[in-house]
Amino acid sequence: LRGASSTNPVARDAVEEEQDGIQEDLDKLPLYP
């Protein structure tokens, strides 16, 4: 996260959740055709 909210601990926690969500989405595709 870059910008004014980057020092907001609540925003940083939300970004971590966002990162976990992207990770889970990509983990569903372990094989490349």
Full PDB file with SEQRES, HELIX, SHEET, SSBOND, CRYST1, ORIGX, SCALE, CONECT and MASTER records, all heavy atoms in Angstrom:
SEQRES   1 A   33  LEU ARG GLY ALA SER SER THR ASN PRO VAL ALA ARG ASP          
SEQRES   2 A   33  ALA VAL GLU GLU GLU GLN ASP GLY ILE GLN GLU ASP LEU          
SEQRES   3 A   33  ASP LYS LEU PRO LEU TYR PRO                                  
HELIX    1 AA1 ALA A    4  THR A    7  5                                   4    
HELIX    2 AA2 PRO A    9  ASP A   27  1                                  19    
CRYST1    1.000    1.000    1.000  90.00  90.00  90.00 P 1           1          
ORIGX1      1.000000  0.000000  0.000000        0.00000                         
ORIGX2      0.000000  1.000000  0.000000        0.00000                         
ORIGX3      0.000000  0.000000  1.000000        0.00000                         
SCALE1      1.000000  0.000000  0.000000        0.00000                         
SCALE2      0.000000  1.000000  0.000000        0.00000                         
SCALE3      0.000000  0.000000  1.000000        0.00000                         
ATOM      1  N   LEU A   1       0.846  -1.193   0.000  1.00  0.00           N  
ATOM      2  CA  LEU A   1       0.000   0.000   0.000  1.00  0.00           C  
ATOM      3  C   LEU A   1       0.878   1.238   0.000  1.00  0.00           C  
ATOM      4  O   LEU A   1       1.764   1.385   0.844  1.00  0.00           O  
ATOM      5  CB  LEU A   1      -0.913  -0.003   1.231  1.00  0.00           C  
ATOM      6  CG  LEU A   1      -1.732   1.267   1.492  1.00  0.00           C  
ATOM      7  CD1 LEU A   1      -2.682   1.556   0.332  1.00  0.00           C  
ATOM      8  CD2 LEU A   1      -2.495   1.156   2.808  1.00  0.00           C  
ATOM      9  N   ARG A   2       0.626   2.127  -0.938  1.00  0.00           N  
ATOM     10  CA  ARG A   2       1.364   3.385  -1.023  1.00  0.00           C  
ATOM     11  C   ARG A   2       0.377   4.541  -0.977  1.00  0.00           C  
ATOM     12  O   ARG A   2      -0.690   4.484  -1.596  1.00  0.00           O  
ATOM     13  CB  ARG A   2       2.186   3.439  -2.310  1.00  0.00           C  
ATOM     14  CG  ARG A   2       3.108   2.236  -2.498  1.00  0.00           C  
ATOM     15  CD  ARG A   2       3.948   2.344  -3.762  1.00  0.00           C  
ATOM     16  NE  ARG A   2       4.661   1.099  -4.039  1.00  0.00           N  
ATOM     17  CZ  ARG A   2       5.791   0.742  -3.457  1.00  0.00           C  
ATOM     18  NH1 ARG A   2       6.359   1.556  -2.566  1.00  0.00           N  
ATOM     19  NH2 ARG A   2       6.378  -0.412  -3.762  1.00  0.00           N  
ATOM     20  N   GLY A   3       0.728   5.580  -0.234  1.00  0.00           N  
ATOM     21  CA  GLY A   3      -0.146   6.741  -0.122  1.00  0.00           C  
ATOM     22  C   GLY A   3      -0.396   7.125   1.325  1.00  0.00           C  
ATOM     23  O   GLY A   3       0.250   6.603   2.254  1.00  0.00           O  
ATOM     24  N   ALA A   4      -1.380   8.017   1.519  1.00  0.00           N  
ATOM     25  CA  ALA A   4      -1.638   8.565   2.850  1.00  0.00           C  
ATOM     26  C   ALA A   4      -2.046   7.501   3.861  1.00  0.00           C  
ATOM     27  O   ALA A   4      -1.764   7.632   5.050  1.00  0.00           O  
ATOM     28  CB  ALA A   4      -2.719   9.642   2.752  1.00  0.00           C  
ATOM     29  N   SER A   5      -2.721   6.453   3.407  1.00  0.00           N  
ATOM     30  CA  SER A   5      -3.221   5.427   4.339  1.00  0.00           C  
ATOM     31  C   SER A   5      -2.174   4.379   4.688  1.00  0.00           C  
ATOM     32  O   SER A   5      -2.474   3.447   5.452  1.00  0.00           O  
ATOM     33  CB  SER A   5      -4.444   4.734   3.736  1.00  0.00           C  
ATOM     34  OG  SER A   5      -5.476   5.667   3.483  1.00  0.00           O  
ATOM     35  N   SER A   6      -0.979   4.491   4.141  1.00  0.00           N  
ATOM     36  CA  SER A   6       0.039   3.462   4.368  1.00  0.00           C  
ATOM     37  C   SER A   6       0.481   3.388   5.825  1.00  0.00           C  
ATOM     38  O   SER A   6       1.054   2.377   6.247  1.00  0.00           O  
ATOM     39  CB  SER A   6       1.252   3.706   3.465  1.00  0.00           C  
ATOM     40  OG  SER A   6       1.832   4.971   3.755  1.00  0.00           O  
ATOM     41  N   THR A   7       0.232   4.447   6.606  1.00  0.00           N  
ATOM     42  CA  THR A   7       0.591   4.444   8.029  1.00  0.00           C  
ATOM     43  C   THR A   7      -0.578   4.039   8.912  1.00  0.00           C  
ATOM     44  O   THR A   7      -0.415   3.950  10.130  1.00  0.00           O  
ATOM     45  CB  THR A   7       1.099   5.832   8.453  1.00  0.00           C  
ATOM     46  OG1 THR A   7       0.081   6.810   8.187  1.00  0.00           O  
ATOM     47  CG2 THR A   7       2.363   6.208   7.682  1.00  0.00           C  
ATOM     48  N   ASN A   8      -1.732   3.787   8.303  1.00  0.00           N  
ATOM     49  CA  ASN A   8      -2.929   3.409   9.055  1.00  0.00           C  
ATOM     50  C   ASN A   8      -2.875   1.907   9.333  1.00  0.00           C  
ATOM     51  O   ASN A   8      -2.922   1.099   8.399  1.00  0.00           O  
ATOM     52  CB  ASN A   8      -4.174   3.770   8.252  1.00  0.00           C  
ATOM     53  CG  ASN A   8      -5.459   3.449   8.991  1.00  0.00           C  
ATOM     54  OD1 ASN A   8      -5.481   2.694   9.952  1.00  0.00           O  
ATOM     55  ND2 ASN A   8      -6.549   4.036   8.535  1.00  0.00           N  
ATOM     56  N   PRO A   9      -2.795   1.496  10.607  1.00  0.00           N  
ATOM     57  CA  PRO A   9      -2.676   0.058  10.899  1.00  0.00           C  
ATOM     58  C   PRO A   9      -3.893  -0.746  10.443  1.00  0.00           C  
ATOM     59  O   PRO A   9      -3.747  -1.912  10.049  1.00  0.00           O  
ATOM     60  CB  PRO A   9      -2.503   0.007  12.417  1.00  0.00           C  
ATOM     61  CG  PRO A   9      -3.017   1.314  12.915  1.00  0.00           C  
ATOM     62  CD  PRO A   9      -2.741   2.305  11.842  1.00  0.00           C  
ATOM     63  N   VAL A  10      -5.073  -0.147  10.482  1.00  0.00           N  
ATOM     64  CA  VAL A  10      -6.265  -0.848  10.019  1.00  0.00           C  
ATOM     65  C   VAL A  10      -6.185  -1.079   8.509  1.00  0.00           C  
ATOM     66  O   VAL A  10      -6.528  -2.151   8.006  1.00  0.00           O  
ATOM     67  CB  VAL A  10      -7.542  -0.067  10.383  1.00  0.00           C  
ATOM     68  CG1 VAL A  10      -8.780  -0.801   9.858  1.00  0.00           C  
ATOM     69  CG2 VAL A  10      -7.644   0.131  11.895  1.00  0.00           C  
ATOM     70  N   ALA A  11      -5.702  -0.072   7.782  1.00  0.00           N  
ATOM     71  CA  ALA A  11      -5.549  -0.212   6.333  1.00  0.00           C  
ATOM     72  C   ALA A  11      -4.500  -1.266   6.006  1.00  0.00           C  
ATOM     73  O   ALA A  11      -4.665  -2.051   5.068  1.00  0.00           O  
ATOM     74  CB  ALA A  11      -5.170   1.133   5.719  1.00  0.00           C  
ATOM     75  N   ARG A  12      -3.416  -1.299   6.783  1.00  0.00           N  
ATOM     76  CA  ARG A  12      -2.377  -2.303   6.528  1.00  0.00           C  
ATOM     77  C   ARG A  12      -2.916  -3.718   6.752  1.00  0.00           C  
ATOM     78  O   ARG A  12      -2.585  -4.645   6.015  1.00  0.00           O  
ATOM     79  CB  ARG A  12      -1.163  -2.035   7.414  1.00  0.00           C  
ATOM     80  CG  ARG A  12      -0.395  -0.762   7.050  1.00  0.00           C  
ATOM     81  CD  ARG A  12       1.040  -0.829   7.562  1.00  0.00           C  
ATOM     82  NE  ARG A  12       1.079  -0.972   9.009  1.00  0.00           N  
ATOM     83  CZ  ARG A  12       1.158   0.049   9.864  1.00  0.00           C  
ATOM     84  NH1 ARG A  12       1.187   1.290   9.399  1.00  0.00           N  
ATOM     85  NH2 ARG A  12       1.206  -0.166  11.168  1.00  0.00           N  
ATOM     86  N   ASP A  13      -3.763  -3.872   7.776  1.00  0.00           N  
ATOM     87  CA  ASP A  13      -4.377  -5.186   8.009  1.00  0.00           C  
ATOM     88  C   ASP A  13      -5.283  -5.565   6.843  1.00  0.00           C  
ATOM     89  O   ASP A  13      -5.321  -6.734   6.426  1.00  0.00           O  
ATOM     90  CB  ASP A  13      -5.178  -5.175   9.311  1.00  0.00           C  
ATOM     91  CG  ASP A  13      -4.291  -5.109  10.552  1.00  0.00           C  
ATOM     92  OD1 ASP A  13      -3.084  -5.413  10.428  1.00  0.00           O  
ATOM     93  OD2 ASP A  13      -4.798  -4.741  11.629  1.00  0.00           O  
ATOM     94  N   ALA A  14      -6.005  -4.580   6.300  1.00  0.00           N  
ATOM     95  CA  ALA A  14      -6.884  -4.857   5.159  1.00  0.00           C  
ATOM     96  C   ALA A  14      -6.071  -5.266   3.940  1.00  0.00           C  
ATOM     97  O   ALA A  14      -6.500  -6.123   3.157  1.00  0.00           O  
ATOM     98  CB  ALA A  14      -7.736  -3.626   4.855  1.00  0.00           C  
ATOM     99  N   VAL A  15      -4.897  -4.667   3.775  1.00  0.00           N  
ATOM    100  CA  VAL A  15      -4.027  -5.027   2.648  1.00  0.00           C  
ATOM    101  C   VAL A  15      -3.516  -6.454   2.808  1.00  0.00           C  
ATOM    102  O   VAL A  15      -3.411  -7.208   1.822  1.00  0.00           O  
ATOM    103  CB  VAL A  15      -2.863  -4.026   2.540  1.00  0.00           C  
ATOM    104  CG1 VAL A  15      -1.833  -4.511   1.533  1.00  0.00           C  
ATOM    105  CG2 VAL A  15      -3.385  -2.657   2.128  1.00  0.00           C  
ATOM    106  N   GLU A  16      -3.197  -6.848   4.022  1.00  0.00           N  
ATOM    107  CA  GLU A  16      -2.766  -8.233   4.248  1.00  0.00           C  
ATOM    108  C   GLU A  16      -3.876  -9.211   3.892  1.00  0.00           C  
ATOM    109  O   GLU A  16      -3.627 -10.283   3.323  1.00  0.00           O  
ATOM    110  CB  GLU A  16      -2.332  -8.412   5.706  1.00  0.00           C  
ATOM    111  CG  GLU A  16      -1.019  -7.714   6.042  1.00  0.00           C  
ATOM    112  CD  GLU A  16      -0.550  -8.029   7.450  1.00  0.00           C  
ATOM    113  OE1 GLU A  16      -1.188  -8.893   8.102  1.00  0.00           O  
ATOM    114  OE2 GLU A  16       0.442  -7.432   7.899  1.00  0.00           O  
ATOM    115  N   GLU A  17      -5.114  -8.853   4.222  1.00  0.00           N  
ATOM    116  CA  GLU A  17      -6.245  -9.702   3.846  1.00  0.00           C  
ATOM    117  C   GLU A  17      -6.391  -9.756   2.330  1.00  0.00           C  
ATOM    118  O   GLU A  17      -6.710 -10.798   1.750  1.00  0.00           O  
ATOM    119  CB  GLU A  17      -7.531  -9.175   4.484  1.00  0.00           C  
ATOM    120  CG  GLU A  17      -7.556  -9.280   6.002  1.00  0.00           C  
ATOM    121  CD  GLU A  17      -8.817  -8.699   6.605  1.00  0.00           C  
ATOM    122  OE1 GLU A  17      -9.697  -8.259   5.815  1.00  0.00           O  
ATOM    123  OE2 GLU A  17      -8.940  -8.675   7.841  1.00  0.00           O  
ATOM    124  N   GLU A  18      -6.154  -8.624   1.678  1.00  0.00           N  
ATOM    125  CA  GLU A  18      -6.205  -8.579   0.220  1.00  0.00           C  
ATOM    126  C   GLU A  18      -5.134  -9.479  -0.377  1.00  0.00           C  
ATOM    127  O   GLU A  18      -5.379 -10.231  -1.334  1.00  0.00           O  
ATOM    128  CB  GLU A  18      -5.995  -7.136  -0.246  1.00  0.00           C  
ATOM    129  CG  GLU A  18      -5.750  -6.955  -1.723  1.00  0.00           C  
ATOM    130  CD  GLU A  18      -7.000  -7.117  -2.558  1.00  0.00           C  
ATOM    131  OE1 GLU A  18      -8.066  -7.391  -1.993  1.00  0.00           O  
ATOM    132  OE2 GLU A  18      -6.913  -6.973  -3.776  1.00  0.00           O  
ATOM    133  N   GLN A  19      -3.954  -9.443   0.191  1.00  0.00           N  
ATOM    134  CA  GLN A  19      -2.863 -10.292  -0.289  1.00  0.00           C  
ATOM    135  C   GLN A  19      -3.212 -11.769  -0.121  1.00  0.00           C  
ATOM    136  O   GLN A  19      -2.981 -12.576  -1.023  1.00  0.00           O  
ATOM    137  CB  GLN A  19      -1.589  -9.960   0.489  1.00  0.00           C  
ATOM    138  CG  GLN A  19      -0.381 -10.806   0.128  1.00  0.00           C  
ATOM    139  CD  GLN A  19       0.878 -10.334   0.834  1.00  0.00           C  
ATOM    140  OE1 GLN A  19       1.341  -9.218   0.618  1.00  0.00           O  
ATOM    141  NE2 GLN A  19       1.423 -11.169   1.704  1.00  0.00           N  
ATOM    142  N   ASP A  20      -3.788 -12.115   1.046  1.00  0.00           N  
ATOM    143  CA  ASP A  20      -4.190 -13.503   1.285  1.00  0.00           C  
ATOM    144  C   ASP A  20      -5.265 -13.934   0.292  1.00  0.00           C  
ATOM    145  O   ASP A  20      -5.265 -15.091  -0.166  1.00  0.00           O  
ATOM    146  CB  ASP A  20      -4.697 -13.671   2.715  1.00  0.00           C  
ATOM    147  CG  ASP A  20      -3.598 -13.502   3.750  1.00  0.00           C  
ATOM    148  OD1 ASP A  20      -2.415 -13.630   3.389  1.00  0.00           O  
ATOM    149  OD2 ASP A  20      -3.932 -13.237   4.932  1.00  0.00           O  
ATOM    150  N   GLY A  21      -6.185 -13.024  -0.057  1.00  0.00           N  
ATOM    151  CA  GLY A  21      -7.235 -13.360  -1.008  1.00  0.00           C  
ATOM    152  C   GLY A  21      -6.693 -13.643  -2.393  1.00  0.00           C  
ATOM    153  O   GLY A  21      -7.122 -14.597  -3.061  1.00  0.00           O  
ATOM    154  N   ILE A  22      -5.731 -12.835  -2.850  1.00  0.00           N  
ATOM    155  CA  ILE A  22      -5.107 -13.079  -4.156  1.00  0.00           C  
ATOM    156  C   ILE A  22      -4.336 -14.388  -4.138  1.00  0.00           C  
ATOM    157  O   ILE A  22      -4.378 -15.169  -5.092  1.00  0.00           O  
ATOM    158  CB  ILE A  22      -4.185 -11.905  -4.527  1.00  0.00           C  
ATOM    159  CG1 ILE A  22      -5.002 -10.612  -4.707  1.00  0.00           C  
ATOM    160  CG2 ILE A  22      -3.411 -12.207  -5.807  1.00  0.00           C  
ATOM    161  CD1 ILE A  22      -4.162  -9.385  -4.974  1.00  0.00           C  
ATOM    162  N   GLN A  23      -3.640 -14.644  -3.024  1.00  0.00           N  
ATOM    163  CA  GLN A  23      -2.885 -15.889  -2.884  1.00  0.00           C  
ATOM    164  C   GLN A  23      -3.807 -17.097  -3.006  1.00  0.00           C  
ATOM    165  O   GLN A  23      -3.510 -18.061  -3.728  1.00  0.00           O  
ATOM    166  CB  GLN A  23      -2.173 -15.915  -1.532  1.00  0.00           C  
ATOM    167  CG  GLN A  23      -1.338 -17.155  -1.280  1.00  0.00           C  
ATOM    168  CD  GLN A  23       0.012 -17.099  -1.958  1.00  0.00           C  
ATOM    169  OE1 GLN A  23       0.771 -16.163  -1.749  1.00  0.00           O  
ATOM    170  NE2 GLN A  23       0.316 -18.100  -2.764  1.00  0.00           N  
ATOM    171  N   GLU A  24      -4.947 -17.041  -2.321  1.00  0.00           N  
ATOM    172  CA  GLU A  24      -5.893 -18.160  -2.368  1.00  0.00           C  
ATOM    173  C   GLU A  24      -6.434 -18.367  -3.778  1.00  0.00           C  
ATOM    174  O   GLU A  24      -6.601 -19.509  -4.222  1.00  0.00           O  
ATOM    175  CB  GLU A  24      -7.046 -17.910  -1.388  1.00  0.00           C  
ATOM    176  CG  GLU A  24      -6.642 -17.982   0.079  1.00  0.00           C  
ATOM    177  CD  GLU A  24      -7.782 -17.653   1.002  1.00  0.00           C  
ATOM    178  OE1 GLU A  24      -8.910 -17.406   0.504  1.00  0.00           O  
ATOM    179  OE2 GLU A  24      -7.568 -17.634   2.226  1.00  0.00           O  
ATOM    180  N   ASP A  25      -6.712 -17.276  -4.486  1.00  0.00           N  
ATOM    181  CA  ASP A  25      -7.225 -17.396  -5.856  1.00  0.00           C  
ATOM    182  C   ASP A  25      -6.210 -18.065  -6.769  1.00  0.00           C  
ATOM    183  O   ASP A  25      -6.544 -18.939  -7.574  1.00  0.00           O  
ATOM    184  CB  ASP A  25      -7.599 -16.021  -6.401  1.00  0.00           C  
ATOM    185  CG  ASP A  25      -8.840 -15.442  -5.731  1.00  0.00           C  
ATOM    186  OD1 ASP A  25      -9.611 -16.218  -5.134  1.00  0.00           O  
ATOM    187  OD2 ASP A  25      -9.030 -14.209  -5.803  1.00  0.00           O  
ATOM    188  N   LEU A  26      -4.938 -17.665  -6.662  1.00  0.00           N  
ATOM    189  CA  LEU A  26      -3.911 -18.233  -7.532  1.00  0.00           C  
ATOM    190  C   LEU A  26      -3.545 -19.661  -7.138  1.00  0.00           C  
ATOM    191  O   LEU A  26      -3.150 -20.458  -7.994  1.00  0.00           O  
ATOM    192  CB  LEU A  26      -2.667 -17.337  -7.512  1.00  0.00           C  
ATOM    193  CG  LEU A  26      -2.844 -15.939  -8.117  1.00  0.00           C  
ATOM    194  CD1 LEU A  26      -1.544 -15.142  -8.011  1.00  0.00           C  
ATOM    195  CD2 LEU A  26      -3.288 -16.027  -9.570  1.00  0.00           C  
ATOM    196  N   ASP A  27      -3.681 -19.982  -5.850  1.00  0.00           N  
ATOM    197  CA  ASP A  27      -3.376 -21.345  -5.407  1.00  0.00           C  
ATOM    198  C   ASP A  27      -4.342 -22.367  -5.990  1.00  0.00           C  
ATOM    199  O   ASP A  27      -4.049 -23.574  -5.993  1.00  0.00           O  
ATOM    200  CB  ASP A  27      -3.418 -21.429  -3.874  1.00  0.00           C  
ATOM    201  CG  ASP A  27      -2.206 -20.778  -3.227  1.00  0.00           C  
ATOM    202  OD1 ASP A  27      -1.229 -20.484  -3.961  1.00  0.00           O  
ATOM    203  OD2 ASP A  27      -2.219 -20.562  -1.998  1.00  0.00           O  
ATOM    204  N   LYS A  28      -5.486 -21.902  -6.480  1.00  0.00           N  
ATOM    205  CA  LYS A  28      -6.471 -22.816  -7.058  1.00  0.00           C  
ATOM    206  C   LYS A  28      -6.046 -23.308  -8.443  1.00  0.00           C  
ATOM    207  O   LYS A  28      -6.698 -24.184  -9.014  1.00  0.00           O  
ATOM    208  CB  LYS A  28      -7.829 -22.122  -7.159  1.00  0.00           C  
ATOM    209  CG  LYS A  28      -8.430 -21.730  -5.813  1.00  0.00           C  
ATOM    210  CD  LYS A  28      -9.718 -20.948  -6.000  1.00  0.00           C  
ATOM    211  CE  LYS A  28     -10.287 -20.492  -4.669  1.00  0.00           C  
ATOM    212  NZ  LYS A  28     -11.524 -19.673  -4.847  1.00  0.00           N  
ATOM    213  N   LEU A  29      -4.978 -22.727  -8.983  1.00  0.00           N  
ATOM    214  CA  LEU A  29      -4.511 -23.093 -10.326  1.00  0.00           C  
ATOM    215  C   LEU A  29      -3.062 -23.584 -10.246  1.00  0.00           C  
ATOM    216  O   LEU A  29      -2.137 -22.894 -10.692  1.00  0.00           O  
ATOM    217  CB  LEU A  29      -4.609 -21.887 -11.265  1.00  0.00           C  
ATOM    218  CG  LEU A  29      -6.004 -21.260 -11.406  1.00  0.00           C  
ATOM    219  CD1 LEU A  29      -5.920 -19.950 -12.179  1.00  0.00           C  
ATOM    220  CD2 LEU A  29      -6.956 -22.231 -12.087  1.00  0.00           C  
ATOM    221  N   PRO A  30      -2.844 -24.795  -9.691  1.00  0.00           N  
ATOM    222  CA  PRO A  30      -1.467 -25.271  -9.507  1.00  0.00           C  
ATOM    223  C   PRO A  30      -0.818 -25.807 -10.777  1.00  0.00           C  
ATOM    224  O   PRO A  30       0.400 -25.967 -10.822  1.00  0.00           O  
ATOM    225  CB  PRO A  30      -1.617 -26.392  -8.480  1.00  0.00           C  
ATOM    226  CG  PRO A  30      -2.989 -26.932  -8.739  1.00  0.00           C  
ATOM    227  CD  PRO A  30      -3.831 -25.742  -9.136  1.00  0.00           C  
ATOM    228  N   LEU A  31      -1.626 -26.106 -11.804  1.00  0.00           N  
ATOM    229  CA  LEU A  31      -1.096 -26.680 -13.034  1.00  0.00           C  
ATOM    230  C   LEU A  31      -1.279 -25.711 -14.194  1.00  0.00           C  
ATOM    231  O   LEU A  31      -2.305 -25.032 -14.297  1.00  0.00           O  
ATOM    232  CB  LEU A  31      -1.788 -28.009 -13.360  1.00  0.00           C  
ATOM    233  CG  LEU A  31      -1.648 -29.125 -12.322  1.00  0.00           C  
ATOM    234  CD1 LEU A  31      -2.443 -30.336 -12.753  1.00  0.00           C  
ATOM    235  CD2 LEU A  31      -0.185 -29.485 -12.095  1.00  0.00           C  
ATOM    236  N   TYR A  32      -0.286 -25.662 -15.056  1.00  0.00           N  
ATOM    237  CA  TYR A  32      -0.352 -24.794 -16.240  1.00  0.00           C  
ATOM    238  C   TYR A  32      -0.514 -25.682 -17.475  1.00  0.00           C  
ATOM    239  O   TYR A  32       0.340 -26.538 -17.752  1.00  0.00           O  
ATOM    240  CB  TYR A  32       0.931 -23.970 -16.354  1.00  0.00           C  
ATOM    241  CG  TYR A  32       0.883 -22.906 -17.430  1.00  0.00           C  
ATOM    242  CD1 TYR A  32       0.540 -21.602 -17.115  1.00  0.00           C  
ATOM    243  CD2 TYR A  32       1.176 -23.203 -18.758  1.00  0.00           C  
ATOM    244  CE1 TYR A  32       0.495 -20.614 -18.090  1.00  0.00           C  
ATOM    245  CE2 TYR A  32       1.121 -22.228 -19.742  1.00  0.00           C  
ATOM    246  CZ  TYR A  32       0.785 -20.929 -19.393  1.00  0.00           C  
ATOM    247  OH  TYR A  32       0.724 -19.971 -20.365  1.00  0.00           O  
ATOM    248  N   PRO A  33      -1.594 -25.476 -18.245  1.00  0.00           N  
ATOM    249  CA  PRO A  33      -1.793 -26.303 -19.439  1.00  0.00           C  
ATOM    250  C   PRO A  33      -0.871 -25.868 -20.571  1.00  0.00           C  
ATOM    251  O   PRO A  33      -0.676 -24.679 -20.822  1.00  0.00           O  
ATOM    252  CB  PRO A  33      -3.259 -26.048 -19.791  1.00  0.00           C  
ATOM    253  CG  PRO A  33      -3.525 -24.663 -19.269  1.00  0.00           C  
ATOM    254  CD  PRO A  33      -2.695 -24.531 -18.021  1.00  0.00           C  
TER     255      PRO A  33                                                      
MASTER        0    0    0    2    0    0    0    6  254    1    0    3          
END                                                                             
